[in-house]
Protein backbone atom coordinates (compact mmCIF):
# COMPACT_ATOMS: atom_id res chain seq x y z
CA MET A 1 -0.41 49.39 -49.81
CA LYS A 2 1.21 47.05 -52.34
CA SER A 3 4.29 44.89 -51.80
CA PRO A 4 7.46 45.42 -53.89
CA ALA A 5 6.72 42.15 -55.72
CA ALA A 6 3.23 43.35 -56.62
CA LEU A 7 4.55 46.72 -57.77
CA LYS A 8 7.23 45.07 -59.89
CA GLN A 9 4.65 42.85 -61.56
CA ILE A 10 2.47 45.88 -62.32
CA PHE A 11 5.49 47.65 -63.79
CA ASP A 12 6.62 44.62 -65.81
CA ASP A 13 3.12 44.38 -67.28
CA TYR A 14 3.31 48.07 -68.19
CA ILE A 15 6.63 47.53 -69.99
CA ALA A 16 5.16 44.57 -71.86
CA THR A 17 2.38 46.76 -73.25
CA ASN A 18 4.73 49.63 -74.13
CA LYS A 19 7.33 47.97 -76.32
CA PHE A 20 9.21 49.93 -78.93
CA GLU A 21 7.86 48.44 -82.15
CA GLN A 22 8.31 51.42 -84.43
CA THR A 23 10.51 51.64 -87.49
CA PRO A 24 13.32 51.76 -88.39
CA VAL A 25 13.79 48.44 -86.64
CA ALA A 26 17.56 48.99 -86.36
CA LEU A 27 16.91 51.98 -84.09
CA TYR A 28 14.35 50.39 -81.77
CA GLU A 29 15.44 46.75 -81.63
CA PRO A 30 18.41 47.56 -79.33
CA ILE A 31 16.02 49.29 -76.91
CA ASN A 32 13.82 46.22 -76.66
CA TYR A 33 16.99 44.14 -76.34
CA ILE A 34 18.29 45.98 -73.29
CA PHE A 35 14.85 45.86 -71.66
CA SER A 36 14.70 42.13 -72.38
CA LEU A 37 17.82 41.63 -70.26
CA GLY A 38 15.66 42.19 -67.20
CA GLY A 39 17.27 43.45 -64.03
CA LYS A 40 15.72 44.29 -60.70
CA ARG A 41 13.95 47.42 -62.08
CA LEU A 42 15.20 49.08 -58.89
CA ARG A 43 14.69 52.73 -59.82
CA PRO A 44 11.12 52.51 -61.19
CA LEU A 45 10.24 50.22 -58.29
CA LEU A 46 11.50 52.81 -55.81
CA LEU A 47 9.52 55.51 -57.61
CA LEU A 48 6.37 53.41 -57.24
CA MET A 49 7.18 52.67 -53.60
CA GLY A 50 7.74 56.38 -52.97
CA TYR A 51 4.37 57.06 -54.54
CA ASN A 52 2.67 54.28 -52.59
CA LEU A 53 3.74 55.82 -49.27
CA PHE A 54 1.27 58.62 -49.98
CA GLY A 55 -1.03 57.50 -52.81
CA GLU A 56 -2.98 54.35 -53.66
CA ARG A 57 -3.67 54.71 -57.40
CA VAL A 58 -0.38 53.18 -58.56
CA ALA A 59 -1.31 53.39 -62.24
CA GLU A 60 -1.04 57.17 -61.90
CA ALA A 61 2.72 56.89 -61.39
CA LEU A 62 3.51 54.26 -64.05
CA PRO A 63 4.49 56.70 -66.84
CA ALA A 64 7.02 58.35 -64.52
CA ALA A 65 8.37 54.97 -63.45
CA PHE A 66 8.82 53.98 -67.10
CA ALA A 67 10.49 57.31 -67.85
CA ILE A 68 12.99 56.64 -65.05
CA GLU A 69 13.70 53.13 -66.37
CA ILE A 70 14.10 54.41 -69.93
CA PHE A 71 16.50 57.11 -68.76
CA HIS A 72 18.48 54.65 -66.64
CA ASN A 73 18.89 52.23 -69.56
CA PHE A 74 19.76 55.10 -71.90
CA SER A 75 22.61 55.99 -69.53
CA LEU A 76 23.72 52.34 -69.43
CA LEU A 77 23.92 52.18 -73.23
CA HIS A 78 26.19 55.20 -73.35
CA ASP A 79 28.18 54.25 -70.22
CA ASP A 80 28.97 50.82 -71.67
CA ILE A 81 30.33 52.46 -74.81
CA MET A 82 32.50 54.86 -72.81
CA ASP A 83 33.67 52.10 -70.45
CA GLU A 84 34.17 49.59 -73.27
CA ALA A 85 32.14 47.15 -71.18
CA PRO A 86 31.54 43.84 -73.00
CA LEU A 87 28.68 42.65 -70.78
CA ARG A 88 25.47 44.06 -69.37
CA ARG A 89 23.45 41.87 -67.02
CA GLY A 90 25.47 38.88 -68.14
CA LYS A 91 24.75 39.39 -71.87
CA PRO A 92 26.59 41.26 -74.63
CA SER A 93 26.30 45.04 -74.28
CA VAL A 94 24.27 46.83 -76.95
CA HIS A 95 27.36 48.23 -78.70
CA VAL A 96 28.88 44.74 -78.78
CA LYS A 97 25.76 42.99 -80.07
CA TYR A 98 25.03 45.71 -82.62
CA ASN A 99 27.62 48.47 -83.03
CA VAL A 100 28.78 51.69 -81.38
CA ASN A 101 26.81 54.05 -83.63
CA THR A 102 23.62 52.12 -82.98
CA GLY A 103 24.26 52.25 -79.25
CA ILE A 104 24.66 56.02 -79.37
CA LEU A 105 21.61 56.69 -81.52
CA SER A 106 19.30 54.23 -79.75
CA GLY A 107 20.34 55.81 -76.47
CA ASP A 108 19.58 59.27 -77.82
CA VAL A 109 16.03 58.38 -78.81
CA MET A 110 15.46 56.73 -75.43
CA LEU A 111 16.08 60.05 -73.70
CA ILE A 112 13.40 61.69 -75.85
CA TYR A 113 10.93 58.93 -75.05
CA ALA A 114 11.58 59.41 -71.34
CA TYR A 115 10.23 62.94 -71.70
CA GLN A 116 7.30 61.72 -73.80
CA TYR A 117 6.20 59.43 -70.97
CA LEU A 118 6.62 62.20 -68.42
CA ALA A 119 4.36 64.36 -70.59
CA ARG A 120 1.53 61.94 -69.78
CA LEU A 121 1.55 63.46 -66.27
CA SER A 122 1.04 67.02 -67.51
CA ALA A 123 -2.45 67.26 -65.98
CA LEU A 124 -1.11 66.73 -62.45
CA PRO A 125 -1.06 69.86 -60.25
CA ARG A 126 2.68 69.54 -59.46
CA TYR A 127 3.83 68.54 -62.94
CA ALA A 128 6.43 71.33 -63.02
CA LYS A 129 8.01 69.94 -59.84
CA ILE A 130 8.16 66.45 -61.35
CA ILE A 131 9.97 67.79 -64.43
CA GLU A 132 12.29 69.85 -62.22
CA LEU A 133 13.29 66.76 -60.24
CA PHE A 134 13.79 64.71 -63.40
CA ASN A 135 15.89 67.40 -65.04
CA GLN A 136 18.09 67.73 -61.97
CA LEU A 137 18.69 64.01 -61.62
CA ALA A 138 19.53 63.81 -65.33
CA ILE A 139 22.04 66.65 -65.02
CA ASP A 140 23.53 65.06 -61.90
CA VAL A 141 23.99 61.72 -63.68
CA CYS A 142 25.80 63.39 -66.60
CA GLU A 143 28.02 65.42 -64.26
CA GLY A 144 28.81 62.29 -62.28
CA GLN A 145 29.76 60.41 -65.43
CA GLN A 146 32.12 63.21 -66.46
CA TYR A 147 33.79 63.17 -63.03
CA ASP A 148 34.14 59.40 -63.41
CA MET A 149 35.84 59.78 -66.78
CA ASN A 150 38.07 62.59 -65.47
CA PHE A 151 39.28 60.33 -62.68
CA GLU A 152 40.78 57.91 -65.21
CA ALA A 153 43.30 60.57 -66.28
CA GLU A 154 44.02 61.93 -62.79
CA GLU A 155 46.72 60.21 -60.75
CA LYS A 156 45.40 61.41 -57.40
CA VAL A 157 41.72 61.60 -56.52
CA ALA A 158 40.51 62.35 -53.01
CA LEU A 159 38.11 59.80 -51.56
CA SER A 160 35.72 62.65 -50.72
CA THR A 161 35.70 63.66 -54.40
CA TYR A 162 34.94 60.09 -55.39
CA LEU A 163 32.00 60.01 -52.98
CA LYS A 164 30.70 63.22 -54.56
CA MET A 165 30.96 61.57 -57.96
CA ILE A 166 28.93 58.51 -56.97
CA GLU A 167 26.36 60.71 -55.27
CA LEU A 168 25.84 62.41 -58.63
CA LYS A 169 26.19 59.44 -60.95
CA THR A 170 24.31 56.79 -58.97
CA ALA A 171 22.61 58.16 -55.86
CA ALA A 172 20.92 61.15 -57.50
CA LEU A 173 18.86 58.88 -59.74
CA ILE A 174 17.68 56.76 -56.82
CA GLY A 175 16.87 59.79 -54.68
CA GLY A 176 15.22 61.57 -57.60
CA ALA A 177 13.05 58.56 -58.41
CA LEU A 178 11.79 58.41 -54.83
CA GLY A 179 11.21 62.17 -54.80
CA MET A 180 9.25 62.08 -58.05
CA GLY A 181 7.07 59.26 -56.72
CA ALA A 182 6.43 61.17 -53.53
CA VAL A 183 5.39 64.31 -55.43
CA ILE A 184 2.98 62.35 -57.64
CA GLY A 185 1.54 60.79 -54.48
CA GLY A 186 0.91 64.20 -52.91
CA ALA A 187 3.73 64.31 -50.33
CA SER A 188 4.71 67.53 -48.60
CA GLU A 189 7.96 69.25 -49.56
CA LYS A 190 9.54 68.18 -46.26
CA ASP A 191 8.58 64.53 -46.69
CA MET A 192 9.79 64.57 -50.28
CA GLU A 193 13.18 65.95 -49.22
CA GLN A 194 13.63 63.36 -46.46
CA LEU A 195 12.70 60.57 -48.82
CA MET A 196 15.22 61.87 -51.34
CA GLN A 197 17.89 61.91 -48.62
CA PHE A 198 17.01 58.32 -47.85
CA GLY A 199 17.44 57.48 -51.54
CA ARG A 200 20.71 59.36 -51.98
CA ASN A 201 22.32 57.63 -49.01
CA ILE A 202 21.03 54.26 -50.20
CA GLY A 203 22.48 55.09 -53.61
CA ILE A 204 25.95 55.82 -52.21
CA ALA A 205 25.85 52.63 -50.15
CA PHE A 206 24.68 50.74 -53.26
CA GLN A 207 27.61 52.01 -55.34
CA ILE A 208 30.15 51.15 -52.65
CA GLN A 209 28.64 47.67 -52.59
CA ASP A 210 28.91 47.62 -56.40
CA ASP A 211 32.61 48.49 -56.12
CA ILE A 212 33.07 45.55 -53.76
CA LEU A 213 31.17 43.17 -56.04
CA ASP A 214 33.09 44.26 -59.13
CA THR A 215 36.29 42.91 -57.59
CA PHE A 216 35.08 40.22 -55.20
CA GLY A 217 31.76 39.16 -56.70
CA ASP A 218 30.63 36.03 -58.51
CA PRO A 219 30.16 37.00 -62.20
CA GLU A 220 27.19 34.61 -62.51
CA LYS A 221 25.35 36.44 -59.72
CA PHE A 222 26.77 39.91 -60.32
CA GLY A 223 25.85 39.93 -64.03
CA LYS A 224 29.05 41.63 -65.14
CA LYS A 225 32.64 40.57 -65.70
CA VAL A 226 34.43 40.68 -62.34
CA GLY A 227 37.49 42.91 -62.34
CA GLY A 228 36.12 45.32 -64.93
CA ASP A 229 36.91 48.36 -62.78
CA ILE A 230 40.52 47.19 -62.42
CA VAL A 231 40.84 46.58 -66.16
CA GLN A 232 39.50 50.07 -66.87
CA ASN A 233 41.79 51.63 -64.22
CA LYS A 234 38.76 53.01 -62.40
CA LYS A 235 39.51 54.77 -59.16
CA THR A 236 36.89 53.09 -57.02
CA PHE A 237 36.38 53.24 -53.26
CA LEU A 238 38.60 50.17 -52.93
CA PHE A 239 41.45 51.65 -54.96
CA LEU A 240 41.39 55.05 -53.25
CA LYS A 241 41.16 53.53 -49.77
CA ALA A 242 44.07 51.24 -50.68
CA LEU A 243 46.21 54.24 -51.61
CA GLU A 244 45.34 55.80 -48.24
CA GLN A 245 46.34 52.67 -46.35
CA ALA A 246 49.36 51.47 -48.36
CA ASP A 247 53.04 52.17 -47.77
CA SER A 248 54.98 54.04 -50.44
CA THR A 249 56.12 50.84 -52.20
CA THR A 250 52.61 49.46 -52.50
CA GLN A 251 51.27 52.86 -53.56
CA ALA A 252 53.82 52.97 -56.38
CA GLU A 253 52.90 49.43 -57.44
CA LEU A 254 49.19 50.23 -57.55
CA LEU A 255 49.71 53.44 -59.48
CA SER A 256 51.94 51.61 -61.95
CA LEU A 257 49.34 48.89 -62.48
CA TYR A 258 46.68 51.54 -63.14
CA GLU A 259 48.73 53.34 -65.78
CA VAL A 260 48.24 50.77 -68.52
CA LYS A 261 45.59 48.66 -70.24
CA LYS A 262 46.55 45.22 -71.51
CA GLU A 263 45.07 42.60 -73.80
CA ASP A 264 45.25 39.99 -71.05
CA ASN A 265 44.43 41.47 -67.65
CA THR A 266 44.20 38.23 -65.68
CA GLN A 267 47.43 38.81 -63.77
CA LYS A 268 46.69 42.49 -63.22
CA ILE A 269 43.31 41.68 -61.67
CA SER A 270 44.88 39.03 -59.46
CA VAL A 271 47.67 41.31 -58.19
CA VAL A 272 45.37 44.26 -57.48
CA LYS A 273 42.83 42.04 -55.78
CA GLY A 274 45.61 40.62 -53.60
CA ILE A 275 46.70 44.12 -52.56
CA PHE A 276 43.12 45.01 -51.68
CA GLU A 277 42.80 41.88 -49.57
CA ASP A 278 46.11 42.46 -47.77
CA LEU A 279 45.07 46.01 -46.87
CA LYS A 280 41.54 44.85 -45.92
CA VAL A 281 39.99 47.65 -47.94
CA ASP A 282 37.03 45.39 -48.75
CA VAL A 283 36.25 45.33 -45.03
CA MET A 284 36.62 49.13 -44.82
CA ALA A 285 34.33 49.56 -47.81
CA ALA A 286 31.69 47.35 -46.19
CA LYS A 287 31.88 49.51 -43.05
CA ALA A 288 31.42 52.71 -45.07
CA LYS A 289 28.46 51.13 -46.84
CA ASP A 290 26.84 50.40 -43.49
CA GLU A 291 27.39 53.99 -42.33
CA TYR A 292 25.54 55.38 -45.35
CA LEU A 293 22.80 52.85 -44.81
CA ALA A 294 22.37 54.14 -41.25
CA LYS A 295 22.11 57.73 -42.57
CA ALA A 296 19.45 56.56 -45.00
CA PHE A 297 17.32 55.03 -42.26
CA THR A 298 17.64 58.17 -40.14
CA ALA A 299 16.17 60.20 -43.02
CA LEU A 300 13.42 57.64 -43.62
CA ALA A 301 12.41 57.84 -39.95
CA LEU A 302 11.63 61.55 -40.45
CA VAL A 303 9.16 60.94 -43.29
CA GLY A 304 5.72 61.75 -41.90
CA VAL A 305 3.79 58.55 -42.59
CA LYS A 306 3.03 55.61 -40.33
CA GLU A 307 6.04 53.42 -39.62
CA GLU A 308 4.40 50.30 -41.01
CA ARG A 309 4.09 51.99 -44.41
CA LYS A 310 7.89 52.37 -44.51
CA GLN A 311 8.61 48.70 -43.90
CA TYR A 312 8.84 47.74 -47.57
CA LEU A 313 11.43 50.46 -48.18
CA ARG A 314 13.50 49.25 -45.24
CA GLU A 315 13.34 45.66 -46.44
CA THR A 316 14.27 46.64 -50.00
CA ALA A 317 17.27 48.62 -48.75
CA HIS A 318 18.51 45.66 -46.72
CA ILE A 319 18.10 43.31 -49.68
CA LEU A 320 20.11 45.65 -51.92
CA MET A 321 22.89 45.85 -49.38
CA ASN A 322 23.11 42.10 -49.00
CA ARG A 323 23.49 41.06 -52.63
CA GLU A 324 25.41 37.83 -52.94
CA LEU A 325 29.12 37.88 -53.62
């Protein structure tokens, strides 16, 4: 069984030999650009780890891992346009470096290439199941993004509805990647489902942690501009928990701050961050994150392979949940 570091190196080598060097250059250069920004390659790595729980021929799962990474980056291209995000992994977003139309079109072709790489698995006996899982995670991500956009126009959003949104937008991709890897590796339906539950709960915990980092993180380590969710009036776990905890005066102040977008948001970020700190919603968010992490490990314990084979997944989950602020 291979370590996460070994699997990541194998995957990075695969990316290096599958660059998008076609023409027109203006269409494919932005794809290579976003891949050049690096990142942890979390989702393809989890797919390979899910595979490696059951199978040893890692190369067999590489096209699916690349399809997942292509799809994930496709969604980032379009999300950054919708969110007007200036940075991605500490560098200019594709639509900033190039233009909005290029970001849309390059993202579109990436989705098609994701399916082209999945087609390389067509000889596998459970190919239909792999496509079914990929289609469902793709639908979930799009539905989650729509919920996320809807929330910007809704004054009141229940925290439970927000958690449903992040399960669709973020957690479904992580759970689906693990499930696809398990299927390629020959896992039973039961083991696949438990592994997907592990992934979904990790994904929710990951997004709650992301919400914390967006407000309280170090931009050099986080890779994005801190306070972006506040600037975009995003109703994150922190914001919704603050509304639950605040008195009527503070609720009114928060809602007022989230009604407008300004050219200079420095003061807005500072005031909102101060409210969050006073209400200790960052502490509450960290507790919720830990609860979802516990659910994830309960599901992982039910996967029918030897415990030592699960150790890398446990370690990876802990690393993700302890990213530096």
